[in-house]
Amino acid sequence: MEKIKRVLLGGCLIFMSISDLALACGAIDGKGYRCAPIATDVSSNQATELFFYFKDKEVHRAYLAKTGKVLELHTENLGAYSFTSGGMSWADNYELDKEALVLSVSLNPSTAFSCTLMASPLVEILAHFEPILEAGKFPVDASE
């Protein structure tokens, strides 16, 4: 009887660890991050906010772009994300520390971003960009 309990307990532990790993990969899908630059030098030009959302185990970035004379909301598929020991990474450029919620970008190592999790990213992204789109202009020269 004791051996059966041990086998069942061991089986349950193995199943839970495998299912946790499988769930972790898809658990971020449907969510996103809004990342604001962390000011390190007040005199430097700061980057604009970054918006990412996760769909079908891939990362998408939302941003404003001018197409001719029209300002539009665009999305870019950055590919699959992967989990690291400290968080997650994607597109060989982005590394998110999931404990501190700090995003570093290898293309611009002097700028770090403080991120907040968005439970309904598409709604929140549209709510952020809608006033800018209605005004038809970029905020403070973000188009450069």
N, C-alpha and C. Protein backbone atom coordinates (compact mmCIF):
# COMPACT_ATOMS: atom_id res chain seq x y z
N MET A 1 0.82 -1.19 0.00
CA MET A 1 0.00 0.00 0.00
C MET A 1 0.87 1.25 0.00
N GLU A 2 1.95 1.22 0.78
CA GLU A 2 2.85 2.38 0.86
C GLU A 2 3.53 2.63 -0.49
N LYS A 3 3.89 1.56 -1.21
CA LYS A 3 4.53 1.70 -2.52
C LYS A 3 3.56 2.33 -3.52
N ILE A 4 2.30 1.95 -3.46
CA ILE A 4 1.30 2.50 -4.38
C ILE A 4 1.13 4.00 -4.12
N LYS A 5 1.12 4.40 -2.86
CA LYS A 5 1.00 5.82 -2.52
C LYS A 5 2.19 6.61 -3.07
N ARG A 6 3.40 6.04 -2.93
CA ARG A 6 4.60 6.72 -3.42
C ARG A 6 4.57 6.86 -4.94
N VAL A 7 4.16 5.78 -5.61
CA VAL A 7 4.09 5.82 -7.07
C VAL A 7 3.06 6.85 -7.52
N LEU A 8 1.90 6.86 -6.89
CA LEU A 8 0.87 7.84 -7.25
C LEU A 8 1.33 9.26 -6.97
N LEU A 9 1.97 9.47 -5.83
CA LEU A 9 2.47 10.80 -5.49
C LEU A 9 3.54 11.24 -6.49
N GLY A 10 4.45 10.35 -6.81
CA GLY A 10 5.49 10.65 -7.80
C GLY A 10 4.90 10.97 -9.16
N GLY A 11 3.91 10.19 -9.56
CA GLY A 11 3.24 10.43 -10.83
C GLY A 11 2.54 11.77 -10.86
N CYS A 12 1.89 12.11 -9.76
CA CYS A 12 1.21 13.41 -9.66
C CYS A 12 2.21 14.56 -9.76
N LEU A 13 3.34 14.43 -9.07
CA LEU A 13 4.36 15.48 -9.11
C LEU A 13 4.92 15.66 -10.52
N ILE A 14 5.18 14.57 -11.20
CA ILE A 14 5.69 14.64 -12.57
C ILE A 14 4.65 15.28 -13.48
N PHE A 15 3.39 14.87 -13.36
CA PHE A 15 2.32 15.43 -14.18
C PHE A 15 2.17 16.93 -13.93
N MET A 16 2.21 17.34 -12.66
CA MET A 16 2.06 18.76 -12.33
C MET A 16 3.20 19.59 -12.89
N SER A 17 4.42 19.09 -12.81
CA SER A 17 5.55 19.87 -13.32
C SER A 17 5.50 19.97 -14.84
N ILE A 18 5.08 18.91 -15.52
CA ILE A 18 4.95 18.95 -16.98
C ILE A 18 3.81 19.88 -17.38
N SER A 19 2.67 19.78 -16.70
CA SER A 19 1.51 20.61 -17.07
C SER A 19 1.78 22.08 -16.74
N ASP A 20 2.53 22.38 -15.67
CA ASP A 20 2.88 23.77 -15.35
C ASP A 20 3.75 24.36 -16.45
N LEU A 21 4.70 23.58 -16.97
CA LEU A 21 5.56 24.05 -18.04
C LEU A 21 4.74 24.30 -19.30
N ALA A 22 3.83 23.40 -19.63
CA ALA A 22 2.99 23.58 -20.81
C ALA A 22 2.08 24.79 -20.65
N LEU A 23 1.52 24.99 -19.47
CA LEU A 23 0.66 26.13 -19.24
C LEU A 23 1.44 27.44 -19.24
N ALA A 24 2.67 27.42 -18.76
CA ALA A 24 3.47 28.64 -18.70
C ALA A 24 3.73 29.20 -20.09
N CYS A 25 3.93 28.33 -21.06
CA CYS A 25 4.21 28.78 -22.42
C CYS A 25 3.02 29.54 -23.01
N GLY A 26 1.81 29.10 -22.75
CA GLY A 26 0.65 29.76 -23.30
C GLY A 26 -0.05 30.69 -22.35
N ALA A 27 0.41 30.77 -21.11
CA ALA A 27 -0.27 31.58 -20.10
C ALA A 27 -0.19 33.07 -20.39
N ILE A 28 0.81 33.52 -21.11
CA ILE A 28 0.97 34.94 -21.42
C ILE A 28 0.13 35.33 -22.63
N ASP A 29 -0.28 34.34 -23.44
CA ASP A 29 -1.11 34.65 -24.61
C ASP A 29 -2.38 35.37 -24.18
N GLY A 30 -2.73 36.41 -24.93
CA GLY A 30 -3.90 37.20 -24.61
C GLY A 30 -3.60 38.37 -23.69
N LYS A 31 -2.35 38.48 -23.25
CA LYS A 31 -1.94 39.58 -22.37
C LYS A 31 -0.90 40.42 -23.11
N GLY A 32 -0.43 41.46 -22.47
CA GLY A 32 0.58 42.30 -23.10
C GLY A 32 1.32 43.13 -22.07
N TYR A 33 2.29 43.91 -22.55
CA TYR A 33 3.05 44.81 -21.70
C TYR A 33 3.09 46.20 -22.32
N ARG A 34 2.90 47.17 -21.46
CA ARG A 34 3.08 48.58 -21.83
C ARG A 34 4.34 49.02 -21.13
N CYS A 35 5.32 49.47 -21.90
CA CYS A 35 6.64 49.76 -21.34
C CYS A 35 7.01 51.22 -21.57
N ALA A 36 7.23 51.94 -20.47
CA ALA A 36 7.61 53.35 -20.52
C ALA A 36 9.10 53.48 -20.23
N PRO A 37 9.77 54.40 -20.93
CA PRO A 37 11.21 54.57 -20.70
C PRO A 37 11.51 55.01 -19.27
N ILE A 38 12.58 54.47 -18.74
CA ILE A 38 13.05 54.86 -17.41
C ILE A 38 14.06 55.98 -17.63
N ALA A 39 13.80 57.13 -17.04
CA ALA A 39 14.69 58.29 -17.22
C ALA A 39 15.98 58.07 -16.45
N THR A 40 17.08 58.01 -17.18
CA THR A 40 18.39 57.92 -16.53
C THR A 40 19.12 59.25 -16.64
N ASP A 41 18.86 59.97 -17.72
CA ASP A 41 19.47 61.28 -17.92
C ASP A 41 18.38 62.21 -18.43
N VAL A 42 18.04 63.22 -17.65
CA VAL A 42 16.92 64.09 -17.97
C VAL A 42 17.16 64.87 -19.26
N SER A 43 18.41 65.16 -19.58
CA SER A 43 18.70 65.96 -20.76
C SER A 43 18.65 65.14 -22.05
N SER A 44 18.69 63.83 -21.96
CA SER A 44 18.71 63.00 -23.16
C SER A 44 17.31 62.88 -23.76
N ASN A 45 17.28 62.65 -25.05
CA ASN A 45 16.00 62.42 -25.72
C ASN A 45 15.49 61.06 -25.30
N GLN A 46 14.28 61.02 -24.83
CA GLN A 46 13.73 59.77 -24.34
C GLN A 46 12.96 59.05 -25.45
N ALA A 47 12.98 57.78 -25.40
CA ALA A 47 12.23 56.98 -26.35
C ALA A 47 10.75 57.05 -25.98
N THR A 48 9.91 56.65 -26.91
CA THR A 48 8.48 56.62 -26.64
C THR A 48 8.12 55.30 -25.98
N GLU A 49 6.89 55.20 -25.53
CA GLU A 49 6.42 53.96 -24.90
C GLU A 49 6.37 52.85 -25.94
N LEU A 50 6.56 51.63 -25.46
CA LEU A 50 6.48 50.45 -26.30
C LEU A 50 5.28 49.62 -25.87
N PHE A 51 4.57 49.05 -26.83
CA PHE A 51 3.40 48.23 -26.56
C PHE A 51 3.58 46.86 -27.22
N PHE A 52 3.48 45.82 -26.40
CA PHE A 52 3.60 44.45 -26.89
C PHE A 52 2.38 43.66 -26.46
N TYR A 53 1.93 42.76 -27.32
CA TYR A 53 0.89 41.82 -26.90
C TYR A 53 1.25 40.44 -27.43
N PHE A 54 0.73 39.43 -26.75
CA PHE A 54 1.10 38.04 -27.04
C PHE A 54 -0.10 37.29 -27.59
N LYS A 55 0.11 36.68 -28.74
CA LYS A 55 -0.97 35.94 -29.40
C LYS A 55 -0.36 34.72 -30.09
N ASP A 56 -0.96 33.56 -29.85
CA ASP A 56 -0.51 32.30 -30.46
C ASP A 56 0.98 32.06 -30.25
N LYS A 57 1.45 32.33 -29.03
CA LYS A 57 2.83 32.11 -28.61
C LYS A 57 3.84 32.95 -29.39
N GLU A 58 3.37 34.09 -29.90
CA GLU A 58 4.24 35.04 -30.58
C GLU A 58 4.02 36.43 -30.02
N VAL A 59 5.02 37.29 -30.19
CA VAL A 59 4.98 38.66 -29.69
C VAL A 59 4.65 39.59 -30.85
N HIS A 60 3.74 40.51 -30.58
CA HIS A 60 3.38 41.53 -31.57
C HIS A 60 3.61 42.89 -30.94
N ARG A 61 4.11 43.82 -31.74
CA ARG A 61 4.36 45.18 -31.27
C ARG A 61 3.38 46.11 -31.99
N ALA A 62 2.75 46.99 -31.22
CA ALA A 62 1.83 47.98 -31.79
C ALA A 62 2.51 49.34 -31.75
N TYR A 63 2.37 50.09 -32.83
CA TYR A 63 3.01 51.41 -32.91
C TYR A 63 2.28 52.27 -33.94
N LEU A 64 2.51 53.57 -33.86
CA LEU A 64 1.95 54.50 -34.83
C LEU A 64 2.96 54.74 -35.94
N ALA A 65 2.45 54.84 -37.17
CA ALA A 65 3.31 55.14 -38.31
C ALA A 65 2.54 56.01 -39.28
N LYS A 66 3.28 56.84 -39.99
CA LYS A 66 2.68 57.71 -40.99
C LYS A 66 2.79 57.02 -42.33
N THR A 67 1.66 56.81 -42.97
CA THR A 67 1.62 56.25 -44.31
C THR A 67 1.16 57.39 -45.22
N GLY A 68 2.10 57.96 -45.93
CA GLY A 68 1.77 59.16 -46.71
C GLY A 68 1.49 60.29 -45.74
N LYS A 69 0.27 60.82 -45.80
CA LYS A 69 -0.12 61.88 -44.88
C LYS A 69 -1.07 61.37 -43.81
N VAL A 70 -1.27 60.06 -43.76
CA VAL A 70 -2.22 59.47 -42.82
C VAL A 70 -1.47 58.79 -41.68
N LEU A 71 -1.91 59.04 -40.48
CA LEU A 71 -1.36 58.41 -39.29
C LEU A 71 -2.16 57.15 -39.01
N GLU A 72 -1.48 56.01 -38.87
CA GLU A 72 -2.16 54.74 -38.68
C GLU A 72 -1.52 53.93 -37.55
N LEU A 73 -2.34 53.08 -36.96
CA LEU A 73 -1.86 52.14 -35.95
C LEU A 73 -1.43 50.87 -36.69
N HIS A 74 -0.19 50.47 -36.48
CA HIS A 74 0.37 49.29 -37.13
C HIS A 74 0.74 48.25 -36.08
N THR A 75 0.81 47.01 -36.51
CA THR A 75 1.34 45.95 -35.65
C THR A 75 2.42 45.21 -36.42
N GLU A 76 3.37 44.71 -35.67
CA GLU A 76 4.48 43.97 -36.25
C GLU A 76 4.64 42.67 -35.47
N ASN A 77 4.69 41.56 -36.18
CA ASN A 77 4.90 40.26 -35.55
C ASN A 77 6.40 40.09 -35.34
N LEU A 78 6.83 40.01 -34.09
CA LEU A 78 8.25 39.87 -33.76
C LEU A 78 8.67 38.41 -33.61
N GLY A 79 7.74 37.49 -33.80
CA GLY A 79 8.07 36.07 -33.72
C GLY A 79 7.83 35.49 -32.33
N ALA A 80 8.34 34.31 -32.16
CA ALA A 80 8.11 33.57 -30.91
C ALA A 80 8.92 34.16 -29.75
N TYR A 81 8.38 34.02 -28.57
CA TYR A 81 9.09 34.42 -27.36
C TYR A 81 9.63 33.19 -26.69
N SER A 82 10.61 33.38 -25.83
CA SER A 82 11.14 32.24 -25.07
C SER A 82 11.33 32.68 -23.63
N PHE A 83 11.21 31.71 -22.75
CA PHE A 83 11.41 31.98 -21.33
C PHE A 83 12.88 31.80 -20.99
N THR A 84 13.39 32.70 -20.17
CA THR A 84 14.76 32.64 -19.71
C THR A 84 14.74 32.41 -18.20
N SER A 85 15.90 32.29 -17.61
CA SER A 85 15.94 32.06 -16.16
C SER A 85 15.38 33.25 -15.39
N GLY A 86 15.50 34.46 -15.94
CA GLY A 86 15.03 35.64 -15.23
C GLY A 86 13.75 36.25 -15.78
N GLY A 87 13.24 35.70 -16.85
CA GLY A 87 12.03 36.28 -17.44
C GLY A 87 11.76 35.71 -18.81
N MET A 88 11.76 36.60 -19.80
CA MET A 88 11.52 36.15 -21.16
C MET A 88 12.23 37.05 -22.15
N SER A 89 12.42 36.55 -23.38
CA SER A 89 13.07 37.33 -24.42
C SER A 89 12.38 37.06 -25.74
N TRP A 90 12.57 38.00 -26.67
CA TRP A 90 12.01 37.82 -28.01
C TRP A 90 12.78 38.68 -29.01
N ALA A 91 12.70 38.29 -30.25
CA ALA A 91 13.28 39.00 -31.39
C ALA A 91 14.76 39.29 -31.25
N ASP A 92 15.49 38.55 -30.46
CA ASP A 92 16.93 38.73 -30.24
C ASP A 92 17.30 40.13 -29.77
N ASN A 93 16.31 40.98 -29.46
CA ASN A 93 16.60 42.35 -29.04
C ASN A 93 16.03 42.69 -27.68
N TYR A 94 14.98 41.99 -27.27
CA TYR A 94 14.25 42.36 -26.06
C TYR A 94 14.43 41.32 -24.97
N GLU A 95 14.71 41.81 -23.75
CA GLU A 95 14.87 40.94 -22.58
C GLU A 95 14.06 41.54 -21.44
N LEU A 96 13.06 40.79 -20.97
CA LEU A 96 12.19 41.28 -19.90
C LEU A 96 12.52 40.55 -18.61
N ASP A 97 12.87 41.33 -17.59
CA ASP A 97 13.07 40.79 -16.25
C ASP A 97 11.67 40.73 -15.63
N LYS A 98 11.13 39.52 -15.48
CA LYS A 98 9.75 39.38 -15.03
C LYS A 98 9.54 39.72 -13.57
N GLU A 99 10.60 39.71 -12.78
CA GLU A 99 10.44 40.07 -11.37
C GLU A 99 10.39 41.59 -11.21
N ALA A 100 11.32 42.30 -11.85
CA ALA A 100 11.37 43.76 -11.75
C ALA A 100 10.50 44.44 -12.80
N LEU A 101 10.04 43.67 -13.79
CA LEU A 101 9.28 44.19 -14.94
C LEU A 101 10.04 45.31 -15.64
N VAL A 102 11.33 45.04 -15.90
CA VAL A 102 12.18 45.98 -16.62
C VAL A 102 12.57 45.34 -17.95
N LEU A 103 12.35 46.09 -19.02
CA LEU A 103 12.66 45.63 -20.36
C LEU A 103 13.94 46.31 -20.82
N SER A 104 14.89 45.51 -21.29
CA SER A 104 16.10 46.07 -21.88
C SER A 104 16.10 45.73 -23.36
N VAL A 105 16.64 46.66 -24.15
CA VAL A 105 16.66 46.51 -25.60
C VAL A 105 18.12 46.54 -26.03
N SER A 106 18.57 45.47 -26.68
CA SER A 106 19.99 45.38 -27.04
C SER A 106 20.38 46.42 -28.09
N LEU A 107 19.43 46.89 -28.89
CA LEU A 107 19.75 47.91 -29.89
C LEU A 107 20.02 49.27 -29.26
N ASN A 108 19.51 49.49 -28.05
CA ASN A 108 19.71 50.75 -27.34
C ASN A 108 19.95 50.44 -25.86
N PRO A 109 21.16 49.98 -25.52
CA PRO A 109 21.42 49.55 -24.15
C PRO A 109 21.34 50.66 -23.10
N SER A 110 21.38 51.93 -23.52
CA SER A 110 21.32 53.02 -22.55
C SER A 110 19.89 53.31 -22.09
N THR A 111 18.90 52.74 -22.77
CA THR A 111 17.50 52.98 -22.40
C THR A 111 16.88 51.70 -21.88
N ALA A 112 16.28 51.78 -20.71
CA ALA A 112 15.53 50.66 -20.13
C ALA A 112 14.09 51.11 -19.99
N PHE A 113 13.19 50.15 -19.93
CA PHE A 113 11.78 50.45 -19.86
C PHE A 113 11.15 49.77 -18.65
N SER A 114 10.29 50.50 -17.97
CA SER A 114 9.52 49.94 -16.87
C SER A 114 8.18 49.50 -17.46
N CYS A 115 7.82 48.25 -17.24
CA CYS A 115 6.64 47.69 -17.90
C CYS A 115 5.51 47.40 -16.91
N THR A 116 4.30 47.47 -17.42
CA THR A 116 3.12 47.04 -16.67
C THR A 116 2.38 46.02 -17.52
N LEU A 117 1.85 45.04 -16.85
CA LEU A 117 1.10 43.98 -17.52
C LEU A 117 -0.27 44.50 -17.91
N MET A 118 -0.68 44.21 -19.13
CA MET A 118 -2.02 44.58 -19.61
C MET A 118 -2.84 43.31 -19.75
N ALA A 119 -3.96 43.25 -19.06
CA ALA A 119 -4.82 42.07 -19.13
C ALA A 119 -5.62 42.05 -20.42
N SER A 120 -5.99 43.23 -20.92
CA SER A 120 -6.72 43.35 -22.20
C SER A 120 -5.93 44.28 -23.10
N PRO A 121 -4.84 43.78 -23.66
CA PRO A 121 -3.90 44.66 -24.36
C PRO A 121 -4.49 45.40 -25.55
N LEU A 122 -5.29 44.74 -26.37
CA LEU A 122 -5.80 45.41 -27.55
C LEU A 122 -6.72 46.57 -27.18
N VAL A 123 -7.51 46.39 -26.14
CA VAL A 123 -8.39 47.46 -25.67
C VAL A 123 -7.55 48.62 -25.13
N GLU A 124 -6.56 48.30 -24.33
CA GLU A 124 -5.72 49.33 -23.73
C GLU A 124 -4.86 50.05 -24.77
N ILE A 125 -4.37 49.32 -25.76
CA ILE A 125 -3.57 49.93 -26.83
C ILE A 125 -4.43 50.90 -27.64
N LEU A 126 -5.62 50.46 -28.01
CA LEU A 126 -6.52 51.34 -28.76
C LEU A 126 -6.90 52.57 -27.94
N ALA A 127 -7.16 52.39 -26.66
CA ALA A 127 -7.52 53.51 -25.80
C ALA A 127 -6.37 54.52 -25.72
N HIS A 128 -5.14 54.05 -25.72
CA HIS A 128 -3.99 54.94 -25.66
C HIS A 128 -3.82 55.72 -26.97
N PHE A 129 -3.91 55.03 -28.10
CA PHE A 129 -3.62 55.65 -29.38
C PHE A 129 -4.79 56.39 -30.01
N GLU A 130 -6.00 56.10 -29.59
CA GLU A 130 -7.18 56.72 -30.21
C GLU A 130 -7.16 58.25 -30.19
N PRO A 131 -6.87 58.89 -29.05
CA PRO A 131 -6.81 60.36 -29.06
C PRO A 131 -5.74 60.92 -30.00
N ILE A 132 -4.63 60.23 -30.11
CA ILE A 132 -3.55 60.66 -30.99
C ILE A 132 -3.99 60.52 -32.45
N LEU A 133 -4.64 59.41 -32.76
CA LEU A 133 -5.13 59.20 -34.12
C LEU A 133 -6.20 60.22 -34.49
N GLU A 134 -7.07 60.54 -33.54
CA GLU A 134 -8.11 61.53 -33.80
C GLU A 134 -7.51 62.91 -34.03
N ALA A 135 -6.46 63.23 -33.30
CA ALA A 135 -5.79 64.52 -33.49
C ALA A 135 -4.99 64.53 -34.78
N GLY A 136 -4.60 63.33 -35.24
CA GLY A 136 -3.87 63.22 -36.51
C GLY A 136 -2.42 63.63 -36.45
N LYS A 137 -1.83 63.61 -35.27
CA LYS A 137 -0.43 63.99 -35.18
C LYS A 137 0.28 63.16 -34.11
N PHE A 138 1.58 63.10 -34.26
CA PHE A 138 2.41 62.39 -33.29
C PHE A 138 2.65 63.25 -32.09
N PRO A 139 2.75 62.65 -30.91
CA PRO A 139 3.10 63.43 -29.72
C PRO A 139 4.59 63.78 -29.72
N VAL A 140 4.93 65.00 -29.53
CA VAL A 140 6.29 65.52 -29.36
C VAL A 140 7.32 64.83 -30.26
N ASP A 141 7.19 64.99 -31.52
CA ASP A 141 8.14 64.48 -32.52
C ASP A 141 8.46 63.00 -32.40
N ALA A 142 7.50 62.18 -32.11
CA ALA A 142 7.73 60.73 -32.01
C ALA A 142 7.93 60.11 -33.39
N SER A 143 7.65 60.88 -34.44
CA SER A 143 7.77 60.34 -35.79
C SER A 143 9.21 60.23 -36.26
N GLU A 144 10.13 60.84 -35.56
CA GLU A 144 11.52 60.81 -36.00
C GLU A 144 12.22 59.55 -35.59
